[in-house]
C-alpha cells in the first residue's frame, strides 16, 4: 500500500519520493473513511514524521497535533497509538527547544 511504500522510501532516505505517496494515502483515507478515522491519523503521523526528518518542524507540528487528537478521540488516553503521538510531538518540541511545552507530553 501507499503508506508502506512511503515508509520504505523514507527509511532509505528518499524523502522527496516518499512525500507524494504519504500525501496520496492521506487524501485517500480522508475521502474513504472521513477526517477523523484512525487510518487518517496514521497517514498524518507518517507524513509528519517525514517532515520532521526533513527539519520542517513548523509543517510537521499541526499534523502531529491532528493525529494525536484523532487518536485520543478514537482510542482514549491509554492506547499505544496515543502514546506514540505524544512522544512524536514531544520530540518535535524538544528539537525546537520548546522544553516547557514538551515536558507535559513526556
C-alpha atoms as a PDB file:
ATOM      1  CA  UNK A   1       0.000   0.000   0.000  1.00  0.00           C
ATOM      2  CA  UNK A   2       0.973   3.644  -0.304  1.00  0.00           C
ATOM      3  CA  UNK A   3       1.943   4.111   3.339  1.00  0.00           C
ATOM      4  CA  UNK A   4       4.197   1.058   3.284  1.00  0.00           C
ATOM      5  CA  UNK A   5       5.887   2.253   0.106  1.00  0.00           C
ATOM      6  CA  UNK A   6       6.309   5.736   1.564  1.00  0.00           C
ATOM      7  CA  UNK A   7       7.757   4.220   4.730  1.00  0.00           C
ATOM      8  CA  UNK A   8      10.298   2.194   2.780  1.00  0.00           C
ATOM      9  CA  UNK A   9      11.326   5.231   0.768  1.00  0.00           C
ATOM     10  CA  UNK A  10      11.592   7.314   3.951  1.00  0.00           C
ATOM     11  CA  UNK A  11      13.747   4.674   5.662  1.00  0.00           C
ATOM     12  CA  UNK A  12      16.072   4.680   2.655  1.00  0.00           C
ATOM     13  CA  UNK A  13      16.367   8.469   2.808  1.00  0.00           C
ATOM     14  CA  UNK A  14      14.306   9.184  -0.317  1.00  0.00           C
ATOM     15  CA  UNK A  15      12.205  11.831   1.395  1.00  0.00           C
ATOM     16  CA  UNK A  16      11.175  13.676  -1.750  1.00  0.00           C
ATOM     17  CA  UNK A  17       9.960  10.426  -3.325  1.00  0.00           C
ATOM     18  CA  UNK A  18       8.136   9.360  -0.153  1.00  0.00           C
ATOM     19  CA  UNK A  19       6.183  12.569   0.366  1.00  0.00           C
ATOM     20  CA  UNK A  20       3.760  12.243  -2.593  1.00  0.00           C
ATOM     21  CA  UNK A  21       2.886   8.696  -1.503  1.00  0.00           C
ATOM     22  CA  UNK A  22       2.191   9.909   2.044  1.00  0.00           C
ATOM     23  CA  UNK A  23       0.041  12.762   0.764  1.00  0.00           C
ATOM     24  CA  UNK A  24      -1.884  10.494  -1.597  1.00  0.00           C
ATOM     25  CA  UNK A  25      -2.559   7.970   1.182  1.00  0.00           C
ATOM     26  CA  UNK A  26      -3.776  10.756   3.469  1.00  0.00           C
ATOM     27  CA  UNK A  27      -6.149  12.086   0.822  1.00  0.00           C
ATOM     28  CA  UNK A  28      -7.429   8.582   0.047  1.00  0.00           C
ATOM     29  CA  UNK A  29      -8.112   7.759   3.705  1.00  0.00           C
ATOM     30  CA  UNK A  30      -9.842  11.095   4.324  1.00  0.00           C
ATOM     31  CA  UNK A  31     -12.105  10.557   1.317  1.00  0.00           C
ATOM     32  CA  UNK A  32     -12.831   6.901   2.104  1.00  0.00           C
ATOM     33  CA  UNK A  33     -13.173   7.000   5.907  1.00  0.00           C
ATOM     34  CA  UNK A  34     -13.718  10.654   6.839  1.00  0.00           C
ATOM     35  CA  UNK A  35     -11.383  13.153   8.513  1.00  0.00           C
ATOM     36  CA  UNK A  36     -11.337  11.587  11.993  1.00  0.00           C
ATOM     37  CA  UNK A  37     -10.614   7.925  11.274  1.00  0.00           C
ATOM     38  CA  UNK A  38      -7.608   6.123  12.829  1.00  0.00           C
ATOM     39  CA  UNK A  39      -6.213   5.412   9.346  1.00  0.00           C
ATOM     40  CA  UNK A  40      -6.180   9.158   8.718  1.00  0.00           C
ATOM     41  CA  UNK A  41      -4.253   9.583  11.976  1.00  0.00           C
ATOM     42  CA  UNK A  42      -1.688   7.007  10.813  1.00  0.00           C
ATOM     43  CA  UNK A  43      -1.243   8.802   7.488  1.00  0.00           C
ATOM     44  CA  UNK A  44      -0.937  12.164   9.260  1.00  0.00           C
ATOM     45  CA  UNK A  45       1.626  10.771  11.671  1.00  0.00           C
ATOM     46  CA  UNK A  46       3.698   9.229   8.884  1.00  0.00           C
ATOM     47  CA  UNK A  47       3.685  12.446   6.858  1.00  0.00           C
ATOM     48  CA  UNK A  48       4.604  14.445   9.958  1.00  0.00           C
ATOM     49  CA  UNK A  49       7.500  12.068  10.681  1.00  0.00           C
ATOM     50  CA  UNK A  50       8.780  12.609   7.160  1.00  0.00           C
ATOM     51  CA  UNK A  51       8.572  16.385   7.523  1.00  0.00           C
ATOM     52  CA  UNK A  52      10.279  16.140  10.911  1.00  0.00           C
ATOM     53  CA  UNK A  53      13.165  14.210   9.370  1.00  0.00           C
ATOM     54  CA  UNK A  54      13.480  16.957   6.768  1.00  0.00           C
ATOM     55  CA  UNK A  55      13.673  19.590   9.505  1.00  0.00           C
ATOM     56  CA  UNK A  56      10.301  21.063   8.518  1.00  0.00           C
ATOM     57  CA  UNK A  57       9.107  21.341  12.098  1.00  0.00           C
ATOM     58  CA  UNK A  58       6.502  24.038  11.517  1.00  0.00           C
ATOM     59  CA  UNK A  59       4.879  21.874   8.842  1.00  0.00           C
ATOM     60  CA  UNK A  60       5.075  18.703  10.929  1.00  0.00           C
ATOM     61  CA  UNK A  61       3.644  20.096  14.168  1.00  0.00           C
ATOM     62  CA  UNK A  62      -0.003  20.591  13.111  1.00  0.00           C
ATOM     63  CA  UNK A  63      -0.019  17.126  11.539  1.00  0.00           C
ATOM     64  CA  UNK A  64       1.304  15.529  14.732  1.00  0.00           C
ATOM     65  CA  UNK A  65      -1.281  17.501  16.726  1.00  0.00           C
ATOM     66  CA  UNK A  66      -4.150  16.439  14.487  1.00  0.00           C
ATOM     67  CA  UNK A  67      -3.037  12.792  14.584  1.00  0.00           C
ATOM     68  CA  UNK A  68      -2.922  12.989  18.382  1.00  0.00           C
ATOM     69  CA  UNK A  69      -6.416  14.489  18.581  1.00  0.00           C
ATOM     70  CA  UNK A  70      -7.876  11.824  16.278  1.00  0.00           C
ATOM     71  CA  UNK A  71      -6.206   9.028  18.199  1.00  0.00           C
ATOM     72  CA  UNK A  72      -7.372  10.373  21.560  1.00  0.00           C
ATOM     73  CA  UNK A  73     -10.938  10.682  20.277  1.00  0.00           C
ATOM     74  CA  UNK A  74     -10.937   7.162  18.825  1.00  0.00           C
ATOM     75  CA  UNK A  75      -8.906   5.267  21.408  1.00  0.00           C
ATOM     76  CA  UNK A  76      -8.978   7.235  24.657  1.00  0.00           C
ATOM     77  CA  UNK A  77      -5.871   8.272  26.554  1.00  0.00           C
ATOM     78  CA  UNK A  78      -4.438   4.836  27.406  1.00  0.00           C
ATOM     79  CA  UNK A  79      -3.602   3.487  23.968  1.00  0.00           C
ATOM     80  CA  UNK A  80      -0.286   2.750  22.288  1.00  0.00           C
ATOM     81  CA  UNK A  81      -1.068   4.974  19.287  1.00  0.00           C
ATOM     82  CA  UNK A  82      -1.839   7.902  21.596  1.00  0.00           C
ATOM     83  CA  UNK A  83       1.474   7.330  23.385  1.00  0.00           C
ATOM     84  CA  UNK A  84       3.263   7.285  20.026  1.00  0.00           C
ATOM     85  CA  UNK A  85       1.657  10.579  19.026  1.00  0.00           C
ATOM     86  CA  UNK A  86       2.525  12.190  22.365  1.00  0.00           C
ATOM     87  CA  UNK A  87       6.114  11.020  22.017  1.00  0.00           C
ATOM     88  CA  UNK A  88       6.413  12.299  18.451  1.00  0.00           C
ATOM     89  CA  UNK A  89       5.047  15.707  19.386  1.00  0.00           C
ATOM     90  CA  UNK A  90       7.344  15.888  22.426  1.00  0.00           C
ATOM     91  CA  UNK A  91      10.372  15.030  20.269  1.00  0.00           C
ATOM     92  CA  UNK A  92       9.470  17.774  17.828  1.00  0.00           C
ATOM     93  CA  UNK A  93       9.070  20.344  20.611  1.00  0.00           C
ATOM     94  CA  UNK A  94      12.370  19.275  22.179  1.00  0.00           C
ATOM     95  CA  UNK A  95      14.075  19.664  18.813  1.00  0.00           C
ATOM     96  CA  UNK A  96      12.720  23.221  18.698  1.00  0.00           C
ATOM     97  CA  UNK A  97      13.987  23.845  22.259  1.00  0.00           C
ATOM     98  CA  UNK A  98      10.391  24.269  23.471  1.00  0.00           C
ATOM     99  CA  UNK A  99      11.091  22.260  26.589  1.00  0.00           C
ATOM    100  CA  UNK A 100       8.264  23.704  28.685  1.00  0.00           C
ATOM    101  CA  UNK A 101       5.732  22.641  26.038  1.00  0.00           C
ATOM    102  CA  UNK A 102       7.317  19.208  25.605  1.00  0.00           C
ATOM    103  CA  UNK A 103       7.599  18.271  29.275  1.00  0.00           C
ATOM    104  CA  UNK A 104       3.891  17.576  29.968  1.00  0.00           C
ATOM    105  CA  UNK A 105       3.751  15.300  26.913  1.00  0.00           C
ATOM    106  CA  UNK A 106       6.543  13.029  28.091  1.00  0.00           C
END
